[in-house]
Amino acid sequence: MKRTLSLTVAFLLTGVIAAAAPKPVSATGADDFTVGEYGLVKYPNVAALCPDQGIRDVYASCRAQGELFQKARAHAVDSRKLLLIGYGADWCVWCKVSDRYLEGAVSKQEDGSPESKARLARNLAEYVAETFVVLHVDSDKKAETAPLMKEIGAGRWIGPEVPVFVVLDPRSGAVEEARLVEAEKPASAGYVGYDRVLVLRELLRAASAVKQGS
């Protein structure tokens, strides 16, 4: 009985692992992107592509932005996901904070119990990983990136303020802005962040909008 049970469990685990394994991507190289704790695929892999930039930099200004976009779009098509494009810069605090939220990181300064914070962070990170390939586009390279954003239909949302987030269906070309609104506390609290419930709700709305526009 124990042997049969063990074999059954082993079989089920094998199935789960196989189902969770990433599908091969034909149009991209492994160094182009990173895969996070929850399976989040994120472009670019700054550490590999731009080793001279800081470890927490997320915008690879040393790389051709158009090339990164094409690779991320191909990856999204192959994995049947949407593109979540963050238009920002490495000098922008909110750009980096938003990146950490999408990854599922939790700050000690956030309100709520450790359990509730971890649950909300996991819910958001899992949804992002399942739904999107995330691409960071460097706003400091405006000569290259402003025309790129205009070409995909997102030019009307680009202005002096960053970050700007847009959701793009790489198959149909439908695009929608995702307004991720920051939630600040007094400066004395030393904290900046987002309301994860509102972020998740807005990403759900934007994803639904581009799917309906497909």
Protein backbone atom coordinates (compact mmCIF):
# COMPACT_ATOMS: atom_id res chain seq x y z
CA MET A 1 0.00 0.00 0.00
CA LYS A 2 2.77 2.42 0.95
CA ARG A 3 4.68 1.62 -2.22
CA THR A 4 1.59 2.21 -4.35
CA LEU A 5 0.92 5.51 -2.61
CA SER A 6 4.52 6.63 -3.06
CA LEU A 7 4.45 5.80 -6.75
CA THR A 8 1.20 7.69 -7.17
CA VAL A 9 2.61 10.77 -5.42
CA ALA A 10 5.78 10.54 -7.49
CA PHE A 11 3.72 10.34 -10.67
CA LEU A 12 1.64 13.36 -9.68
CA LEU A 13 4.71 15.39 -8.75
CA THR A 14 6.31 14.54 -12.07
CA GLY A 15 3.20 15.78 -13.85
CA VAL A 16 3.19 19.03 -11.87
CA ILE A 17 6.86 19.67 -12.53
CA ALA A 18 6.42 18.95 -16.24
CA ALA A 19 3.44 21.28 -16.44
CA ALA A 20 5.35 24.04 -14.67
CA ALA A 21 8.44 23.74 -16.85
CA PRO A 22 8.83 26.72 -19.20
CA LYS A 23 8.17 26.07 -22.86
CA PRO A 24 11.11 26.51 -25.21
CA VAL A 25 11.36 29.96 -26.72
CA SER A 26 12.64 29.97 -30.27
CA ALA A 27 13.24 33.67 -30.86
CA THR A 28 15.18 34.68 -27.76
CA GLY A 29 18.40 33.85 -25.96
CA ALA A 30 18.57 32.80 -22.31
CA ASP A 31 20.75 35.81 -21.47
CA ASP A 32 18.15 38.28 -22.73
CA PHE A 33 15.68 37.80 -19.87
CA THR A 34 15.42 36.70 -16.25
CA VAL A 35 12.89 34.37 -14.63
CA GLY A 36 11.75 35.37 -11.14
CA GLU A 37 10.62 33.39 -8.11
CA TYR A 38 7.03 33.09 -9.34
CA GLY A 39 8.03 32.41 -12.95
CA LEU A 40 7.98 36.07 -13.99
CA VAL A 41 9.76 36.56 -17.33
CA LYS A 42 11.37 39.98 -17.40
CA TYR A 43 13.35 41.81 -20.07
CA PRO A 44 16.11 42.79 -20.11
CA ASN A 45 18.48 40.71 -18.03
CA VAL A 46 20.53 43.72 -17.01
CA ALA A 47 23.18 41.73 -15.11
CA ALA A 48 23.98 39.66 -18.21
CA LEU A 49 23.48 42.24 -20.96
CA CYS A 50 24.78 45.32 -19.15
CA PRO A 51 27.26 44.15 -16.48
CA ASP A 52 28.57 47.69 -15.96
CA GLN A 53 25.18 48.87 -14.68
CA GLY A 54 24.11 48.56 -11.05
CA ILE A 55 22.81 45.30 -9.66
CA ARG A 56 19.31 46.72 -9.05
CA ASP A 57 19.11 48.59 -12.35
CA VAL A 58 16.18 47.39 -14.43
CA TYR A 59 16.48 49.54 -17.56
CA ALA A 60 19.26 48.41 -19.91
CA SER A 61 20.31 51.66 -21.57
CA CYS A 62 23.36 49.93 -23.01
CA ARG A 63 21.23 47.80 -25.32
CA ALA A 64 19.28 48.60 -28.49
CA GLN A 65 15.76 49.19 -27.24
CA GLY A 66 14.10 48.13 -30.48
CA GLU A 67 15.92 44.81 -30.40
CA LEU A 68 14.86 44.18 -26.79
CA PHE A 69 11.27 44.97 -27.69
CA GLN A 70 11.25 42.54 -30.61
CA LYS A 71 12.70 39.76 -28.47
CA ALA A 72 10.24 40.35 -25.64
CA ARG A 73 7.32 40.45 -28.09
CA ALA A 74 8.44 37.17 -29.67
CA HIS A 75 8.71 35.62 -26.22
CA ALA A 76 5.19 36.77 -25.35
CA VAL A 77 3.82 35.31 -28.59
CA ASP A 78 5.56 31.99 -28.02
CA SER A 79 4.32 31.75 -24.43
CA ARG A 80 0.81 33.03 -25.31
CA LYS A 81 1.08 35.98 -22.92
CA LEU A 82 0.59 39.74 -23.06
CA LEU A 83 3.39 42.29 -22.85
CA LEU A 84 3.49 44.58 -19.82
CA ILE A 85 5.75 47.46 -20.83
CA GLY A 86 7.22 49.77 -18.24
CA TYR A 87 8.51 53.05 -19.71
CA GLY A 88 10.91 54.52 -17.17
CA ALA A 89 14.51 55.07 -16.09
CA ASP A 90 17.00 53.88 -13.52
CA TRP A 91 17.09 57.27 -11.76
CA CYS A 92 13.34 56.95 -11.09
CA VAL A 93 12.60 55.57 -7.60
CA TRP A 94 9.00 54.64 -8.45
CA CYS A 95 10.20 52.71 -11.52
CA LYS A 96 12.30 50.47 -9.31
CA VAL A 97 9.66 50.22 -6.58
CA SER A 98 7.04 49.09 -9.10
CA ASP A 99 9.45 46.48 -10.43
CA ARG A 100 9.87 45.03 -6.94
CA TYR A 101 6.10 44.91 -6.45
CA LEU A 102 5.62 43.02 -9.71
CA GLU A 103 8.25 40.55 -8.53
CA GLY A 104 6.39 39.91 -5.26
CA ALA A 105 8.80 41.60 -2.85
CA VAL A 106 7.41 42.74 0.54
CA SER A 107 8.59 45.80 2.46
CA LYS A 108 8.76 45.86 6.26
CA GLN A 109 7.25 49.35 6.16
CA GLU A 110 3.99 48.15 4.59
CA ASP A 111 0.82 48.02 6.69
CA GLY A 112 -0.76 44.71 7.64
CA SER A 113 0.28 41.44 9.20
CA PRO A 114 3.19 39.48 7.71
CA GLU A 115 0.72 36.86 6.53
CA SER A 116 -1.61 39.29 4.76
CA LYS A 117 1.29 41.16 3.15
CA ALA A 118 2.80 37.91 1.89
CA ARG A 119 -0.55 36.73 0.55
CA LEU A 120 -1.25 39.96 -1.35
CA ALA A 121 2.29 40.04 -2.72
CA ARG A 122 2.04 36.43 -3.89
CA ASN A 123 -1.36 36.97 -5.51
CA LEU A 124 -0.09 39.93 -7.53
CA ALA A 125 3.22 38.29 -8.49
CA GLU A 126 1.54 35.06 -9.58
CA TYR A 127 -0.98 36.91 -11.73
CA VAL A 128 1.73 39.00 -13.40
CA ALA A 129 3.87 35.92 -14.05
CA GLU A 130 0.97 33.96 -15.53
CA THR A 131 -0.34 36.79 -17.70
CA PHE A 132 2.59 38.93 -18.86
CA VAL A 133 6.09 39.07 -20.18
CA VAL A 134 7.47 42.24 -18.59
CA LEU A 135 9.62 44.63 -20.63
CA HIS A 136 11.42 47.73 -19.38
CA VAL A 137 11.89 50.50 -21.96
CA ASP A 138 14.44 53.22 -21.14
CA SER A 139 12.89 56.70 -21.30
CA ASP A 140 16.37 58.25 -21.22
CA LYS A 141 16.88 57.02 -24.79
CA LYS A 142 13.95 59.08 -26.10
CA ALA A 143 15.30 59.29 -29.63
CA GLU A 144 14.87 55.53 -29.85
CA THR A 145 12.09 54.75 -27.40
CA ALA A 146 9.61 57.57 -28.02
CA PRO A 147 9.12 56.48 -31.67
CA LEU A 148 8.86 52.87 -30.47
CA MET A 149 6.06 53.71 -28.03
CA LYS A 150 4.32 55.76 -30.72
CA GLU A 151 4.59 52.90 -33.18
CA ILE A 152 2.76 50.49 -30.86
CA GLY A 153 0.02 53.06 -30.19
CA ALA A 154 1.19 54.14 -26.74
CA GLY A 155 2.61 57.53 -27.69
CA ARG A 156 -0.39 59.43 -26.30
CA TRP A 157 0.48 58.30 -22.78
CA ILE A 158 4.15 59.28 -22.92
CA GLY A 159 5.08 62.55 -21.21
CA PRO A 160 7.63 63.95 -18.80
CA GLU A 161 6.57 61.72 -15.89
CA VAL A 162 7.64 58.10 -15.43
CA PRO A 163 6.90 55.28 -14.97
CA VAL A 164 4.23 54.71 -17.58
CA PHE A 165 2.84 51.19 -17.98
CA VAL A 166 1.03 49.82 -21.02
CA VAL A 167 -0.36 46.38 -21.79
CA LEU A 168 0.12 45.18 -25.36
CA ASP A 169 -1.36 42.14 -27.07
CA PRO A 170 1.60 41.09 -29.25
CA ARG A 171 -0.66 39.22 -31.66
CA SER A 172 -3.40 41.77 -32.37
CA GLY A 173 -1.51 44.96 -31.49
CA ALA A 174 -4.26 46.13 -29.11
CA VAL A 175 -2.77 48.39 -26.42
CA GLU A 176 -4.05 49.90 -23.17
CA GLU A 177 -2.51 52.04 -20.46
CA ALA A 178 -2.31 50.48 -16.99
CA ARG A 179 -2.43 53.31 -14.46
CA LEU A 180 -0.52 52.04 -11.44
CA VAL A 181 -1.09 54.80 -8.88
CA GLU A 182 1.51 55.24 -6.16
CA ALA A 183 0.52 55.23 -2.50
CA GLU A 184 2.81 57.52 -0.50
CA LYS A 185 3.16 57.94 3.24
CA PRO A 186 4.68 60.90 5.11
CA ALA A 187 8.37 61.35 4.44
CA SER A 188 9.10 60.58 8.09
CA ALA A 189 7.80 57.05 7.52
CA GLY A 190 10.51 56.46 4.94
CA TYR A 191 8.17 54.47 2.72
CA VAL A 192 6.91 54.56 -0.85
CA GLY A 193 4.83 51.82 -2.41
CA TYR A 194 1.63 50.71 -4.13
CA ASP A 195 -1.69 49.29 -3.04
CA ARG A 196 -1.41 45.74 -4.39
CA VAL A 197 -5.17 45.25 -4.53
CA LEU A 198 -5.54 48.32 -6.75
CA VAL A 199 -2.55 47.32 -8.89
CA LEU A 200 -4.00 43.86 -9.45
CA ARG A 201 -7.42 45.32 -10.26
CA GLU A 202 -5.93 47.75 -12.80
CA LEU A 203 -3.81 45.08 -14.49
CA LEU A 204 -6.89 42.84 -14.75
CA ARG A 205 -8.82 45.72 -16.34
CA ALA A 206 -6.06 46.57 -18.84
CA ALA A 207 -5.52 42.93 -19.79
CA SER A 208 -9.26 42.47 -20.33
CA ALA A 209 -9.39 45.63 -22.47
CA VAL A 210 -6.67 44.49 -24.87
CA LYS A 211 -8.15 41.01 -25.15
CA GLN A 212 -11.52 42.50 -26.05
CA GLY A 213 -9.79 44.72 -28.59
CA SER A 214 -8.09 41.77 -30.25
